[in-house]
Amino acid sequence: MSWIDDKAHEGLARVREAREAGVYPFFRPFETGGIRTSVNGHAFVNFSSNDYLGLTTHPEVKEAAKRAIDTFACGLSSSRVQATTTAHVELEQRLAKYFGFEKALVTTTGYQAMVGTIMALADRDTTLVLDNLSHACILDGTFLAAGSPGRAPEVRFFNHNSARSLERVLKTRERPNAMVLVEGIYSLDGDMGHLKAIVEVCERYNAVLVVDDAHGSGTLGTHGRGILEHLELEGRAPIVVSTFSKVFGGIGGIILASTDVIELIQHNARSFVFSATLPVPIVAAAATILTMLENDGVALVQELQENARYMRGELVSRGFDLGLSDTHIMPVMVRDERKAMILHQMLFDRGIYMVPITYPGVKPGEERLRVNITRGHTRAEMALALDCLDELGAACEIRKQDQVAPAAP
């Protein structure tokens, strides 16, 4: 036994405790794809899925991936530098046109897309300015850039969604160039970025705005073009980063920007240059879903939003605290790790899958169940989930009407 074994044993104390109590919720092996699946023969409906339009298992999507295997096999055994295909190039051209940018770049994961963008563009003349609830990909890209010898940028944070706080940071920055990194939808809280005010501040201080729209692409805006379309800000954010792992049914990243910026990233982002090429079957699946968005995006987005409005209205009327949420991502606040674990297990036993989010994903006291509504959920499935939540939430005293105020002194 070495020190690393001792460290691992100590660091896994909470995991062992949850397993011993029979409430460990993570890494359950799904037996099929889609929002209706099973674990060890136990069927359930997944309410923590990011398949927001329910297209991942569409027959046309699966057939496109199968056909791509016949032409390109499962992988290309190299990086994009020496293993780019016509399928990649065509999809990038279509993505740029659909989202309204000069050029697009497809990467192997969404995480790599953001990390690579930051690493390629930030240097010692740059101040990176982050919302203090930034996603891990933004934080990790920033920390990697900050550790680059001889070219480390200044790093600053501003209060969540506060244009006023952002302006104070931009006024007092120490480097000539500023890059502001925000999200279209914050995935743990389900709230939209306050981009109208943030865009105005960025334009006033000549700061480059980078928007991570992983959860807004395909879900927001009349045609599903994301947060910029939704807020009528198209053309006012120079760089957008997104992913194929939500609406587009697979894995992979998207970077959208001007031609020169994309080519700079393409040649300098280590996470892109030194990663294997995104497999063509995944490219084909994403291209098929893009066609569906091009042809039927208005209806697809409307159906998702109708489900989200129904679920939100019911959760609120039943007394559940949804925190900051104003989208299809609706965290049911529990604010207690043990209760969140137990609630997850009791819901799972009843065929409802809602993953608990605990530390370090959120601060202690901010624990919640992840409830993501998709276009694929039926009213009957949502009604069942609501009734189960109502009963179990009352038993665990997480609804507003169940909580007892502290006694007066």
Protein backbone atom coordinates (compact mmCIF):
# COMPACT_ATOMS: atom_id res chain seq x y z
CA MET A 1 0.00 0.00 0.00
CA SER A 2 1.40 3.41 -0.98
CA TRP A 3 0.34 6.92 -0.05
CA ILE A 4 -1.85 7.07 -3.16
CA ASP A 5 -3.88 4.08 -1.93
CA ASP A 6 -4.32 5.77 1.46
CA LYS A 7 -5.38 8.97 -0.27
CA ALA A 8 -7.89 7.10 -2.43
CA HIS A 9 -9.36 5.25 0.54
CA GLU A 10 -9.80 8.47 2.49
CA GLY A 11 -11.22 10.35 -0.50
CA LEU A 12 -13.86 7.69 -1.16
CA ALA A 13 -15.41 7.74 2.32
CA ARG A 14 -18.65 9.37 1.11
CA VAL A 15 -18.91 6.93 -1.79
CA ARG A 16 -18.53 3.92 0.54
CA GLU A 17 -21.12 5.34 2.90
CA ALA A 18 -23.65 5.78 0.08
CA ARG A 19 -23.00 2.27 -1.26
CA GLU A 20 -23.36 0.71 2.18
CA ALA A 21 -26.67 2.53 2.65
CA GLY A 22 -27.88 1.26 -0.74
CA VAL A 23 -28.39 4.75 -2.17
CA TYR A 24 -25.32 5.21 -4.39
CA PRO A 25 -26.79 6.81 -7.54
CA PHE A 26 -23.99 7.08 -10.08
CA PHE A 27 -22.61 5.00 -12.98
CA ARG A 28 -25.67 2.77 -13.30
CA PRO A 29 -25.17 0.66 -16.47
CA PHE A 30 -28.06 1.35 -18.86
CA GLU A 31 -29.11 -1.64 -20.97
CA THR A 32 -30.48 0.36 -23.93
CA GLY A 33 -30.36 3.93 -25.23
CA GLY A 34 -33.10 6.54 -25.04
CA ILE A 35 -35.06 8.06 -22.17
CA ARG A 36 -36.86 4.75 -21.55
CA THR A 37 -34.28 2.19 -20.52
CA SER A 38 -33.42 -0.27 -17.76
CA VAL A 39 -30.75 -1.31 -15.28
CA ASN A 40 -30.53 -5.00 -14.35
CA GLY A 41 -33.95 -5.51 -15.89
CA HIS A 42 -35.52 -2.67 -13.88
CA ALA A 43 -37.28 -0.31 -16.31
CA PHE A 44 -37.41 3.44 -15.73
CA VAL A 45 -37.97 6.78 -17.43
CA ASN A 46 -34.90 9.02 -17.48
CA PHE A 47 -35.62 12.56 -16.27
CA SER A 48 -31.94 13.53 -16.18
CA SER A 49 -31.24 13.06 -19.89
CA ASN A 50 -29.87 15.81 -22.13
CA ASP A 51 -31.60 14.34 -25.20
CA TYR A 52 -33.84 17.41 -25.17
CA LEU A 53 -35.55 16.87 -28.53
CA GLY A 54 -35.77 13.09 -28.14
CA LEU A 55 -34.03 12.46 -31.46
CA THR A 56 -31.08 10.33 -30.33
CA THR A 57 -32.91 7.05 -31.02
CA HIS A 58 -34.80 8.23 -34.10
CA PRO A 59 -34.62 5.49 -36.80
CA GLU A 60 -33.22 7.89 -39.41
CA VAL A 61 -30.42 8.92 -37.05
CA LYS A 62 -29.43 5.33 -36.36
CA GLU A 63 -29.56 4.39 -40.04
CA ALA A 64 -27.31 7.32 -40.95
CA ALA A 65 -24.73 6.16 -38.42
CA LYS A 66 -24.88 2.60 -39.76
CA ARG A 67 -24.34 3.76 -43.33
CA ALA A 68 -21.35 5.83 -42.25
CA ILE A 69 -19.75 2.73 -40.74
CA ASP A 70 -19.91 1.01 -44.13
CA THR A 71 -18.02 3.91 -45.74
CA PHE A 72 -15.64 5.11 -43.03
CA ALA A 73 -15.67 2.35 -40.34
CA CYS A 74 -15.90 3.34 -36.66
CA GLY A 75 -12.82 5.53 -36.42
CA LEU A 76 -10.01 7.12 -38.42
CA SER A 77 -7.10 6.27 -36.07
CA SER A 78 -5.63 9.75 -36.11
CA SER A 79 -6.26 13.42 -35.41
CA ARG A 80 -8.08 15.87 -37.65
CA VAL A 81 -4.76 17.30 -38.84
CA GLN A 82 -4.25 14.18 -40.95
CA ALA A 83 -7.67 12.50 -40.79
CA THR A 84 -10.41 14.90 -41.89
CA THR A 85 -13.23 13.55 -44.06
CA THR A 86 -15.70 15.07 -46.49
CA ALA A 87 -18.38 14.32 -43.89
CA HIS A 88 -16.65 16.54 -41.30
CA VAL A 89 -16.18 19.41 -43.76
CA GLU A 90 -19.76 19.26 -45.02
CA LEU A 91 -21.19 19.23 -41.49
CA GLU A 92 -19.01 22.19 -40.47
CA GLN A 93 -20.24 24.19 -43.46
CA ARG A 94 -23.87 23.39 -42.64
CA LEU A 95 -23.45 24.23 -38.94
CA ALA A 96 -21.90 27.61 -39.77
CA LYS A 97 -24.81 28.43 -42.08
CA TYR A 98 -27.48 27.21 -39.64
CA PHE A 99 -26.14 29.15 -36.66
CA GLY A 100 -25.22 32.24 -38.70
CA PHE A 101 -21.41 32.28 -38.47
CA GLU A 102 -18.66 32.44 -41.09
CA LYS A 103 -17.09 29.15 -40.09
CA ALA A 104 -17.49 26.18 -37.74
CA LEU A 105 -15.08 23.63 -36.32
CA VAL A 106 -16.14 20.18 -35.08
CA THR A 107 -14.12 18.71 -32.21
CA THR A 108 -14.14 15.35 -30.45
CA THR A 109 -15.99 16.55 -27.33
CA GLY A 110 -17.71 19.72 -26.18
CA TYR A 111 -15.32 19.89 -23.23
CA GLN A 112 -12.35 19.92 -25.62
CA ALA A 113 -14.00 22.60 -27.74
CA MET A 114 -14.12 25.07 -24.86
CA VAL A 115 -10.74 24.14 -23.40
CA GLY A 116 -9.13 24.44 -26.83
CA THR A 117 -10.78 27.77 -27.59
CA ILE A 118 -9.48 29.32 -24.38
CA MET A 119 -6.00 27.82 -24.68
CA ALA A 120 -5.62 28.93 -28.30
CA LEU A 121 -6.85 32.51 -27.86
CA ALA A 122 -5.76 33.64 -24.39
CA ASP A 123 -2.24 34.90 -23.76
CA ARG A 124 -0.38 37.33 -21.50
CA ASP A 125 -2.14 40.28 -23.12
CA THR A 126 -5.54 38.82 -22.19
CA THR A 127 -7.78 39.07 -19.15
CA LEU A 128 -10.15 36.10 -18.93
CA VAL A 129 -13.38 37.12 -17.18
CA LEU A 130 -15.61 34.31 -15.93
CA ASP A 131 -19.07 34.13 -14.40
CA ASN A 132 -18.59 32.64 -10.93
CA LEU A 133 -20.95 29.75 -11.76
CA SER A 134 -19.00 28.74 -14.86
CA HIS A 135 -19.03 25.14 -16.09
CA ALA A 136 -16.01 22.91 -15.49
CA CYS A 137 -14.90 23.14 -19.15
CA ILE A 138 -14.59 26.93 -18.85
CA LEU A 139 -12.80 26.69 -15.51
CA ASP A 140 -10.41 23.99 -16.69
CA GLY A 141 -9.58 25.80 -19.92
CA THR A 142 -8.90 28.93 -17.90
CA PHE A 143 -6.71 27.17 -15.35
CA LEU A 144 -4.71 25.47 -18.11
CA ALA A 145 -4.19 28.81 -19.86
CA ALA A 146 -3.20 30.43 -16.57
CA GLY A 147 -0.52 27.77 -16.11
CA SER A 148 1.13 28.36 -19.49
CA PRO A 149 4.71 29.59 -18.93
CA GLY A 150 5.36 32.98 -20.48
CA ARG A 151 1.83 33.52 -21.81
CA ALA A 152 -0.46 33.17 -18.79
CA PRO A 153 -3.50 35.49 -18.92
CA GLU A 154 -4.95 37.43 -16.02
CA VAL A 155 -8.02 35.66 -14.56
CA ARG A 156 -10.97 37.48 -13.00
CA PHE A 157 -14.49 36.48 -11.93
CA PHE A 158 -17.77 38.41 -11.81
CA ASN A 159 -20.96 37.75 -9.85
CA HIS A 160 -23.36 35.36 -11.53
CA ASN A 161 -25.29 37.00 -14.36
CA SER A 162 -24.44 40.50 -13.08
CA ALA A 163 -23.62 42.98 -15.84
CA ARG A 164 -22.76 45.55 -13.18
CA SER A 165 -20.20 43.24 -11.59
CA LEU A 166 -18.81 42.43 -15.05
CA GLU A 167 -18.39 46.11 -15.82
CA ARG A 168 -16.43 46.66 -12.59
CA VAL A 169 -14.06 43.86 -13.54
CA LEU A 170 -13.56 45.13 -17.09
CA LYS A 171 -12.86 48.64 -15.79
CA THR A 172 -10.13 47.41 -13.45
CA ARG A 173 -8.47 44.71 -15.58
CA GLU A 174 -4.72 44.82 -15.98
CA ARG A 175 -4.36 43.46 -19.53
CA PRO A 176 -5.28 45.25 -22.80
CA ASN A 177 -7.52 42.50 -24.20
CA ALA A 178 -10.54 41.00 -22.44
CA MET A 179 -12.39 37.75 -23.11
CA VAL A 180 -15.67 37.22 -21.25
CA LEU A 181 -16.90 33.63 -20.88
CA VAL A 182 -20.56 32.91 -20.09
CA GLU A 183 -23.21 30.26 -20.71
CA GLY A 184 -26.48 30.40 -22.61
CA ILE A 185 -28.12 28.12 -20.04
CA TYR A 186 -26.35 27.26 -16.78
CA SER A 187 -26.73 23.50 -16.61
CA LEU A 188 -26.90 22.99 -12.84
CA ASP A 189 -29.34 25.83 -12.13
CA GLY A 190 -31.26 25.91 -15.39
CA ASP A 191 -31.23 29.69 -15.68
CA MET A 192 -30.49 31.60 -18.87
CA GLY A 193 -27.51 33.91 -19.09
CA HIS A 194 -28.45 37.60 -18.90
CA LEU A 195 -26.86 38.13 -22.27
CA LYS A 196 -28.61 41.33 -23.35
CA ALA A 197 -26.98 43.33 -20.58
CA ILE A 198 -23.71 41.38 -20.81
CA VAL A 199 -23.42 41.95 -24.57
CA GLU A 200 -23.84 45.70 -24.07
CA VAL A 201 -21.08 45.80 -21.45
CA CYS A 202 -18.75 43.73 -23.64
CA GLU A 203 -19.32 46.02 -26.61
CA ARG A 204 -18.73 49.10 -24.45
CA TYR A 205 -15.35 47.78 -23.24
CA ASN A 206 -14.31 46.05 -26.49
CA ALA A 207 -14.35 42.65 -24.79
CA VAL A 208 -14.73 39.46 -26.82
CA LEU A 209 -17.75 37.46 -25.63
CA VAL A 210 -17.58 33.65 -25.73
CA VAL A 211 -20.91 31.90 -25.13
CA ASP A 212 -21.12 28.24 -24.13
CA ASP A 213 -24.54 27.33 -25.57
CA ALA A 214 -24.41 23.58 -25.01
CA HIS A 215 -27.89 23.46 -23.47
CA GLY A 216 -29.44 26.20 -25.62
CA SER A 217 -28.52 24.91 -29.07
CA GLY A 218 -31.60 23.21 -30.48
CA THR A 219 -33.78 24.17 -27.51
CA LEU A 220 -33.99 27.98 -27.52
CA GLY A 221 -35.02 30.41 -30.24
CA THR A 222 -37.82 30.05 -32.74
CA HIS A 223 -35.77 27.73 -34.96
CA GLY A 224 -33.60 26.21 -32.23
CA ARG A 225 -30.54 28.31 -33.01
CA GLY A 226 -29.92 28.92 -29.33
CA ILE A 227 -29.73 31.71 -26.81
CA LEU A 228 -28.64 34.35 -29.34
CA GLU A 229 -31.72 33.75 -31.49
CA HIS A 230 -33.93 33.58 -28.40
CA LEU A 231 -32.73 36.99 -27.17
CA GLU A 232 -32.44 38.53 -30.67
CA LEU A 233 -28.68 38.91 -30.27
CA GLU A 234 -27.51 37.09 -33.39
CA GLY A 235 -24.28 38.60 -34.70
CA ARG A 236 -23.34 40.17 -31.35
CA ALA A 237 -21.32 37.35 -29.77
CA PRO A 238 -18.11 36.69 -31.72
CA ILE A 239 -17.64 33.10 -30.51
CA VAL A 240 -20.13 30.38 -29.60
CA VAL A 241 -19.15 26.94 -28.34
CA SER A 242 -21.64 24.08 -28.29
CA THR A 243 -21.85 20.30 -28.34
CA PHE A 244 -23.33 17.24 -30.03
CA SER A 245 -23.96 15.52 -26.67
CA LYS A 246 -27.35 17.11 -26.03
CA VAL A 247 -29.77 17.77 -28.89
CA PHE A 248 -27.47 16.29 -31.56
CA GLY A 249 -27.58 12.82 -30.12
CA GLY A 250 -23.97 11.78 -29.66
CA ILE A 251 -20.71 13.34 -28.59
CA GLY A 252 -18.53 16.09 -30.02
CA GLY A 253 -17.99 19.82 -29.88
CA ILE A 254 -18.83 22.79 -32.09
CA ILE A 255 -16.93 26.09 -32.27
CA LEU A 256 -18.52 28.94 -34.25
CA ALA A 257 -16.68 32.15 -35.12
CA SER A 258 -15.12 34.12 -37.97
CA THR A 259 -12.96 32.28 -40.50
CA ASP A 260 -9.68 33.62 -39.11
CA VAL A 261 -10.58 32.85 -35.49
CA ILE A 262 -11.61 29.29 -36.34
CA GLU A 263 -8.40 28.71 -38.30
CA LEU A 264 -6.33 30.07 -35.41
CA ILE A 265 -8.06 27.64 -33.04
CA GLN A 266 -7.77 24.82 -35.58
CA HIS A 267 -3.99 25.20 -35.74
CA ASN A 268 -3.29 26.03 -32.08
CA ALA A 269 -5.82 24.29 -29.81
CA ARG A 270 -3.90 21.40 -28.26
CA SER A 271 -7.12 19.63 -27.24
CA PHE A 272 -8.06 19.56 -30.94
CA VAL A 273 -4.71 18.95 -32.62
CA PHE A 274 -3.72 16.11 -30.28
CA SER A 275 -7.09 14.30 -30.10
CA ALA A 276 -8.41 11.60 -32.39
CA THR A 277 -10.93 12.63 -35.04
CA LEU A 278 -14.61 12.50 -34.15
CA PRO A 279 -15.87 9.18 -35.62
CA VAL A 280 -17.84 9.61 -38.84
CA PRO A 281 -20.89 7.63 -37.61
CA ILE A 282 -21.36 10.32 -34.96
CA VAL A 283 -20.87 13.03 -37.58
CA ALA A 284 -23.55 11.37 -39.72
CA ALA A 285 -25.97 11.16 -36.79
CA ALA A 286 -25.45 14.86 -35.97
CA ALA A 287 -25.89 15.81 -39.63
CA THR A 288 -29.21 13.95 -39.73
CA ILE A 289 -30.49 15.75 -36.65
CA LEU A 290 -29.33 19.04 -38.15
CA THR A 291 -31.51 18.28 -41.19
CA MET A 292 -34.46 17.71 -38.86
CA LEU A 293 -33.81 21.07 -37.21
CA GLU A 294 -33.53 22.79 -40.59
CA ASN A 295 -36.84 21.30 -41.74
CA ASP A 296 -38.89 21.09 -38.53
CA GLY A 297 -37.01 23.10 -35.92
CA VAL A 298 -39.92 25.42 -35.12
CA ALA A 299 -42.25 22.53 -34.25
CA LEU A 300 -39.57 20.56 -32.39
CA VAL A 301 -38.70 23.50 -30.14
CA GLN A 302 -42.37 24.30 -29.50
CA GLU A 303 -43.09 20.73 -28.41
CA LEU A 304 -40.15 20.78 -25.99
CA GLN A 305 -41.22 24.11 -24.54
CA GLU A 306 -44.83 22.94 -24.12
CA ASN A 307 -43.61 19.99 -22.04
CA ALA A 308 -41.35 22.30 -20.03
CA ARG A 309 -44.18 24.74 -19.29
CA TYR A 310 -46.43 21.91 -18.10
CA MET A 311 -43.80 20.39 -15.81
CA ARG A 312 -42.71 23.76 -14.42
CA GLY A 313 -46.27 24.82 -13.65
CA GLU A 314 -46.99 21.56 -11.85
CA LEU A 315 -43.76 21.57 -9.84
CA VAL A 316 -44.27 25.15 -8.71
CA SER A 317 -47.94 24.64 -7.84
CA ARG A 318 -47.00 21.62 -5.72
CA GLY A 319 -44.54 23.68 -3.69
CA PHE A 320 -41.18 22.58 -5.07
CA ASP A 321 -38.28 25.04 -5.09
CA LEU A 322 -36.72 25.23 -8.56
CA GLY A 323 -34.02 27.71 -7.60
CA LEU A 324 -33.01 30.07 -10.43
CA SER A 325 -34.45 27.93 -13.24
CA ASP A 326 -36.32 29.50 -16.16
CA THR A 327 -35.75 26.77 -18.78
CA HIS A 328 -36.40 23.07 -19.45
CA ILE A 329 -33.69 22.28 -16.87
CA MET A 330 -35.49 22.33 -13.51
CA PRO A 331 -33.44 21.45 -10.43
CA VAL A 332 -35.69 20.30 -7.59
CA MET A 333 -33.90 21.77 -4.60
CA VAL A 334 -33.37 19.38 -1.68
CA ARG A 335 -30.53 21.18 0.16
CA ASP A 336 -29.42 18.05 2.01
CA GLU A 337 -27.08 15.39 0.59
CA ARG A 338 -28.56 12.43 2.48
CA LYS A 339 -32.13 13.36 1.51
CA ALA A 340 -31.11 13.83 -2.13
CA MET A 341 -29.55 10.35 -2.24
CA ILE A 342 -32.55 8.72 -0.55
CA LEU A 343 -35.04 10.55 -2.78
CA HIS A 344 -33.17 9.42 -5.87
CA GLN A 345 -33.27 5.79 -4.77
CA MET A 346 -36.97 5.85 -3.84
CA LEU A 347 -37.84 7.46 -7.17
CA PHE A 348 -35.67 4.96 -9.03
CA ASP A 349 -37.46 2.08 -7.33
CA ARG A 350 -40.70 3.50 -8.76
CA GLY A 351 -39.35 3.78 -12.29
CA ILE A 352 -38.33 7.47 -12.20
CA TYR A 353 -34.67 8.39 -12.74
CA MET A 354 -33.62 11.78 -11.35
CA VAL A 355 -29.91 12.07 -10.60
CA PRO A 356 -28.89 13.88 -7.39
CA ILE A 357 -26.37 16.69 -7.73
CA THR A 358 -24.17 16.94 -4.64
CA TYR A 359 -20.77 18.32 -3.63
CA PRO A 360 -18.46 19.01 -5.46
CA GLY A 361 -20.97 19.62 -8.27
CA VAL A 362 -22.72 22.14 -6.02
CA LYS A 363 -21.92 23.68 -2.65
CA PRO A 364 -23.03 21.86 0.53
CA GLY A 365 -26.60 22.97 1.24
CA GLU A 366 -27.36 23.40 -2.49
CA GLU A 367 -28.03 19.72 -3.25
CA ARG A 368 -30.78 19.05 -5.76
CA LEU A 369 -32.33 16.47 -8.07
CA ARG A 370 -31.58 17.04 -11.75
CA VAL A 371 -34.88 17.23 -13.63
CA ASN A 372 -34.44 17.75 -17.37
CA ILE A 373 -37.61 17.83 -19.45
CA THR A 374 -37.41 16.64 -23.04
CA ARG A 375 -39.70 16.65 -26.02
CA GLY A 376 -39.77 12.85 -25.72
CA HIS A 377 -41.45 12.74 -22.30
CA THR A 378 -45.19 11.99 -22.40
CA ARG A 379 -47.76 13.72 -20.19
CA ALA A 380 -48.44 10.38 -18.51
CA GLU A 381 -44.75 9.96 -17.65
CA MET A 382 -44.51 13.50 -16.33
CA ALA A 383 -47.70 13.02 -14.29
CA LEU A 384 -46.29 9.84 -12.74
CA ALA A 385 -43.04 11.61 -11.89
CA LEU A 386 -44.96 14.51 -10.35
CA ASP A 387 -47.12 12.26 -8.20
CA CYS A 388 -44.09 10.31 -6.98
CA LEU A 389 -42.20 13.53 -6.25
CA ASP A 390 -45.21 14.92 -4.42
CA GLU A 391 -45.53 11.91 -2.13
CA LEU A 392 -41.83 11.42 -1.49
CA GLY A 393 -41.10 15.14 -1.31
CA ALA A 394 -43.70 15.46 1.44
CA ALA A 395 -42.14 12.56 3.34
CA CYS A 396 -38.69 14.16 3.07
CA GLU A 397 -40.09 17.65 3.79
CA ILE A 398 -38.57 19.37 0.77
CA ARG A 399 -41.74 21.10 -0.46
CA LYS A 400 -42.28 24.65 0.78
CA GLN A 401 -45.48 23.75 2.61
CA ASP A 402 -43.75 20.91 4.50
CA GLN A 403 -40.95 22.99 5.95
CA VAL A 404 -41.35 24.13 9.53
CA ALA A 405 -40.20 27.64 10.38
CA PRO A 406 -37.77 27.94 13.31
CA ALA A 407 -39.37 28.68 16.65
CA ALA A 408 -39.44 32.31 17.74
CA PRO A 409 -36.81 33.17 20.35
